[in-house]
């Protein structure tokens, strides 16, 4: 299983980005989490297959209707145990 960490910048808070991300990730069978950052960005950890993660990334580039994504930083994550579901976490 592949796990990737995403930092999304732009108009991504107050536009249902977290809830939409959770729905999209669950629809693709991904596990992980999404949360707002206090600096206005959104942070995501997603784990799954390469194809599902590729589709997910393409969705993140656009985001929900009211959002405007300007940048995504992606890094591979090595986890000892992958999450078992996809959750919305509290803001950090």
N, C-alpha and C. Protein backbone atom coordinates (compact mmCIF):
# COMPACT_ATOMS: atom_id res chain seq x y z
N UNK A 1 0.84 -1.18 0.00
CA UNK A 1 0.00 0.00 0.00
C UNK A 1 0.89 1.24 0.00
N UNK A 2 0.50 2.21 -0.79
CA UNK A 2 1.22 3.47 -0.92
C UNK A 2 0.52 4.53 -0.07
N UNK A 3 1.30 5.34 0.64
CA UNK A 3 0.73 6.45 1.42
C UNK A 3 1.39 7.75 0.97
N UNK A 4 0.57 8.75 0.73
CA UNK A 4 1.07 10.06 0.30
C UNK A 4 0.51 11.16 1.19
N UNK A 5 1.35 12.15 1.43
CA UNK A 5 1.00 13.31 2.24
C UNK A 5 0.88 14.50 1.29
N UNK A 6 -0.21 15.24 1.41
CA UNK A 6 -0.48 16.38 0.54
C UNK A 6 -0.68 17.64 1.40
N UNK A 7 -0.11 18.74 0.95
CA UNK A 7 -0.40 20.06 1.52
C UNK A 7 -1.01 20.88 0.38
N UNK A 8 -2.26 21.30 0.57
CA UNK A 8 -3.00 21.99 -0.47
C UNK A 8 -3.15 23.46 -0.09
N UNK A 9 -2.80 24.34 -1.03
CA UNK A 9 -2.84 25.78 -0.82
C UNK A 9 -3.85 26.41 -1.77
N UNK A 10 -4.45 27.50 -1.35
CA UNK A 10 -5.40 28.23 -2.16
C UNK A 10 -6.63 28.57 -1.34
N UNK A 11 -7.76 28.73 -2.01
CA UNK A 11 -9.02 28.93 -1.29
C UNK A 11 -9.57 27.54 -0.98
N UNK A 12 -9.12 26.99 0.15
CA UNK A 12 -9.43 25.60 0.48
C UNK A 12 -10.06 25.44 1.86
N UNK A 13 -10.32 26.54 2.53
CA UNK A 13 -11.04 26.47 3.81
C UNK A 13 -12.33 27.26 3.69
N UNK A 14 -13.38 26.76 4.35
CA UNK A 14 -14.68 27.40 4.27
C UNK A 14 -15.41 27.11 2.98
N UNK A 15 -14.96 26.08 2.24
CA UNK A 15 -15.57 25.73 0.95
C UNK A 15 -15.91 24.24 0.89
N UNK A 16 -16.06 23.61 2.05
CA UNK A 16 -16.40 22.18 2.17
C UNK A 16 -15.30 21.27 1.62
N UNK A 17 -14.06 21.75 1.65
CA UNK A 17 -12.96 20.96 1.11
C UNK A 17 -12.75 19.66 1.89
N UNK A 18 -12.77 19.73 3.22
CA UNK A 18 -12.53 18.52 4.02
C UNK A 18 -13.61 17.47 3.81
N UNK A 19 -14.86 17.88 3.88
CA UNK A 19 -15.96 16.92 3.70
C UNK A 19 -15.94 16.32 2.29
N UNK A 20 -15.68 17.16 1.29
CA UNK A 20 -15.62 16.67 -0.09
C UNK A 20 -14.44 15.73 -0.30
N UNK A 21 -13.32 16.05 0.33
CA UNK A 21 -12.13 15.20 0.24
C UNK A 21 -12.41 13.84 0.87
N UNK A 22 -13.06 13.85 2.02
CA UNK A 22 -13.40 12.59 2.69
C UNK A 22 -14.31 11.75 1.80
N UNK A 23 -15.33 12.35 1.21
CA UNK A 23 -16.25 11.61 0.32
C UNK A 23 -15.50 11.02 -0.86
N UNK A 24 -14.64 11.83 -1.49
CA UNK A 24 -13.90 11.36 -2.67
C UNK A 24 -12.96 10.22 -2.29
N UNK A 25 -12.24 10.38 -1.19
CA UNK A 25 -11.30 9.34 -0.75
C UNK A 25 -12.03 8.04 -0.45
N UNK A 26 -13.13 8.12 0.26
CA UNK A 26 -13.90 6.91 0.59
C UNK A 26 -14.45 6.25 -0.67
N UNK A 27 -14.90 7.05 -1.64
CA UNK A 27 -15.42 6.50 -2.89
C UNK A 27 -14.33 5.73 -3.65
N UNK A 28 -13.08 6.17 -3.49
CA UNK A 28 -11.95 5.50 -4.15
C UNK A 28 -11.37 4.36 -3.32
N UNK A 29 -11.88 4.16 -2.12
CA UNK A 29 -11.37 3.10 -1.26
C UNK A 29 -10.07 3.45 -0.57
N UNK A 30 -9.77 4.74 -0.44
CA UNK A 30 -8.55 5.18 0.23
C UNK A 30 -8.77 5.28 1.73
N UNK A 31 -7.70 5.18 2.49
CA UNK A 31 -7.74 5.42 3.92
C UNK A 31 -6.82 6.60 4.24
N UNK A 32 -7.01 7.19 5.41
CA UNK A 32 -6.17 8.32 5.81
C UNK A 32 -6.97 9.37 6.53
N UNK A 33 -6.62 10.64 6.29
CA UNK A 33 -7.29 11.74 6.97
C UNK A 33 -7.09 13.05 6.22
N UNK A 34 -7.93 14.02 6.59
CA UNK A 34 -7.82 15.38 6.07
C UNK A 34 -8.05 16.33 7.24
N UNK A 35 -7.34 17.46 7.25
CA UNK A 35 -7.55 18.46 8.30
C UNK A 35 -7.14 19.83 7.80
N UNK A 36 -7.76 20.85 8.39
CA UNK A 36 -7.36 22.23 8.13
C UNK A 36 -6.11 22.54 8.93
N UNK A 37 -5.29 23.42 8.39
CA UNK A 37 -4.13 23.95 9.11
C UNK A 37 -4.47 25.39 9.51
N UNK A 38 -3.93 25.84 10.62
CA UNK A 38 -4.24 27.19 11.11
C UNK A 38 -3.75 28.28 10.16
N UNK A 39 -2.84 27.95 9.24
CA UNK A 39 -2.33 28.94 8.29
C UNK A 39 -3.16 29.03 7.01
N UNK A 40 -4.31 28.32 6.95
CA UNK A 40 -5.19 28.41 5.79
C UNK A 40 -5.05 27.29 4.78
N UNK A 41 -4.05 26.45 4.95
CA UNK A 41 -3.87 25.31 4.04
C UNK A 41 -4.69 24.12 4.52
N UNK A 42 -4.76 23.08 3.69
CA UNK A 42 -5.37 21.81 4.06
C UNK A 42 -4.30 20.74 3.92
N UNK A 43 -4.28 19.82 4.88
CA UNK A 43 -3.31 18.73 4.92
C UNK A 43 -4.06 17.41 4.77
N UNK A 44 -3.53 16.50 3.95
CA UNK A 44 -4.17 15.22 3.69
C UNK A 44 -3.13 14.11 3.75
N UNK A 45 -3.50 12.98 4.34
CA UNK A 45 -2.74 11.75 4.22
C UNK A 45 -3.67 10.74 3.58
N UNK A 46 -3.25 10.14 2.47
CA UNK A 46 -4.08 9.16 1.78
C UNK A 46 -3.26 7.92 1.46
N UNK A 47 -3.85 6.76 1.70
CA UNK A 47 -3.19 5.47 1.46
C UNK A 47 -4.07 4.61 0.58
N UNK A 48 -3.44 3.94 -0.39
CA UNK A 48 -4.18 3.06 -1.29
C UNK A 48 -3.30 2.64 -2.45
N UNK A 49 -3.94 2.22 -3.52
CA UNK A 49 -3.22 1.80 -4.72
C UNK A 49 -2.82 2.98 -5.59
N UNK A 50 -1.84 2.76 -6.46
CA UNK A 50 -1.32 3.82 -7.33
C UNK A 50 -2.43 4.44 -8.18
N UNK A 51 -3.27 3.61 -8.78
CA UNK A 51 -4.35 4.13 -9.64
C UNK A 51 -5.31 5.01 -8.84
N UNK A 52 -5.73 4.55 -7.68
CA UNK A 52 -6.66 5.32 -6.86
C UNK A 52 -6.04 6.64 -6.40
N UNK A 53 -4.76 6.59 -6.02
CA UNK A 53 -4.07 7.81 -5.59
C UNK A 53 -3.90 8.80 -6.74
N UNK A 54 -3.71 8.29 -7.94
CA UNK A 54 -3.59 9.16 -9.11
C UNK A 54 -4.92 9.87 -9.39
N UNK A 55 -6.01 9.12 -9.33
CA UNK A 55 -7.34 9.71 -9.51
C UNK A 55 -7.61 10.74 -8.42
N UNK A 56 -7.25 10.40 -7.19
CA UNK A 56 -7.44 11.29 -6.05
C UNK A 56 -6.66 12.59 -6.23
N UNK A 57 -5.40 12.49 -6.67
CA UNK A 57 -4.59 13.69 -6.90
C UNK A 57 -5.24 14.58 -7.96
N UNK A 58 -5.72 13.97 -9.04
CA UNK A 58 -6.39 14.75 -10.09
C UNK A 58 -7.60 15.48 -9.52
N UNK A 59 -8.34 14.82 -8.61
CA UNK A 59 -9.48 15.47 -7.98
C UNK A 59 -9.01 16.61 -7.07
N UNK A 60 -7.95 16.38 -6.28
CA UNK A 60 -7.43 17.42 -5.39
C UNK A 60 -7.02 18.67 -6.15
N UNK A 61 -6.49 18.52 -7.36
CA UNK A 61 -6.07 19.68 -8.16
C UNK A 61 -7.24 20.62 -8.44
N UNK A 62 -8.43 20.07 -8.51
CA UNK A 62 -9.63 20.86 -8.78
C UNK A 62 -10.38 21.16 -7.49
N UNK A 63 -10.57 20.15 -6.66
CA UNK A 63 -11.28 20.30 -5.40
C UNK A 63 -12.77 20.49 -5.61
N UNK A 64 -13.50 20.78 -4.53
CA UNK A 64 -14.93 21.01 -4.66
C UNK A 64 -15.22 22.32 -5.39
N UNK A 65 -16.46 22.50 -5.78
CA UNK A 65 -16.87 23.60 -6.65
C UNK A 65 -16.43 24.99 -6.17
N UNK A 66 -16.53 25.27 -4.89
CA UNK A 66 -16.23 26.61 -4.38
C UNK A 66 -14.74 26.85 -4.11
N UNK A 67 -13.92 25.83 -4.23
CA UNK A 67 -12.50 25.98 -3.92
C UNK A 67 -11.71 26.48 -5.12
N UNK A 68 -10.49 26.94 -4.84
CA UNK A 68 -9.54 27.31 -5.89
C UNK A 68 -8.16 26.88 -5.41
N UNK A 69 -7.72 25.73 -5.89
CA UNK A 69 -6.43 25.17 -5.50
C UNK A 69 -5.34 25.86 -6.31
N UNK A 70 -4.31 26.37 -5.61
CA UNK A 70 -3.21 27.04 -6.31
C UNK A 70 -1.92 26.23 -6.27
N UNK A 71 -1.79 25.31 -5.29
CA UNK A 71 -0.56 24.52 -5.20
C UNK A 71 -0.82 23.26 -4.37
N UNK A 72 -0.15 22.17 -4.74
CA UNK A 72 -0.19 20.94 -3.95
C UNK A 72 1.24 20.43 -3.82
N UNK A 73 1.68 20.24 -2.58
CA UNK A 73 2.97 19.61 -2.32
C UNK A 73 2.69 18.16 -1.93
N UNK A 74 3.39 17.23 -2.57
CA UNK A 74 3.15 15.80 -2.34
C UNK A 74 4.44 15.15 -1.89
N UNK A 75 4.34 14.28 -0.89
CA UNK A 75 5.49 13.49 -0.47
C UNK A 75 5.03 12.08 -0.13
N UNK A 76 5.89 11.11 -0.42
CA UNK A 76 5.61 9.71 -0.06
C UNK A 76 5.81 9.56 1.44
N UNK A 77 4.98 8.75 2.07
CA UNK A 77 5.07 8.51 3.51
C UNK A 77 5.24 7.02 3.75
N UNK A 78 6.16 6.67 4.61
CA UNK A 78 6.33 5.28 5.02
C UNK A 78 5.71 5.13 6.40
N UNK A 79 4.64 4.36 6.47
CA UNK A 79 3.94 4.15 7.73
C UNK A 79 4.11 2.71 8.17
N UNK A 80 4.20 2.49 9.46
CA UNK A 80 4.27 1.12 9.96
C UNK A 80 2.91 0.44 9.88
N UNK A 81 1.84 1.23 9.95
CA UNK A 81 0.48 0.70 9.81
C UNK A 81 -0.37 1.77 9.13
N UNK A 82 -1.05 1.38 8.06
CA UNK A 82 -1.91 2.32 7.35
C UNK A 82 -3.20 2.53 8.14
N UNK A 83 -3.80 3.71 8.02
CA UNK A 83 -5.09 3.96 8.67
C UNK A 83 -6.14 2.97 8.15
N UNK A 84 -7.20 2.75 8.94
CA UNK A 84 -8.22 1.78 8.53
C UNK A 84 -9.46 2.44 7.92
N UNK A 85 -9.55 3.77 8.00
CA UNK A 85 -10.68 4.49 7.41
C UNK A 85 -10.16 5.86 6.96
N UNK A 86 -11.04 6.69 6.44
CA UNK A 86 -10.65 8.05 6.05
C UNK A 86 -11.48 9.02 6.87
N UNK A 87 -10.80 9.83 7.68
CA UNK A 87 -11.47 10.68 8.66
C UNK A 87 -11.11 12.16 8.49
N UNK A 88 -11.98 13.02 8.99
CA UNK A 88 -11.71 14.45 9.11
C UNK A 88 -11.18 14.68 10.52
N UNK A 89 -9.97 15.24 10.61
CA UNK A 89 -9.34 15.49 11.91
C UNK A 89 -9.49 16.96 12.30
N UNK A 90 -9.30 17.27 13.59
CA UNK A 90 -9.36 18.66 14.04
C UNK A 90 -8.25 19.51 13.42
N UNK A 91 -8.48 20.80 13.35
CA UNK A 91 -7.50 21.76 12.82
C UNK A 91 -6.24 21.77 13.68
N UNK A 92 -5.09 21.92 13.01
CA UNK A 92 -3.81 22.05 13.73
C UNK A 92 -3.19 23.39 13.44
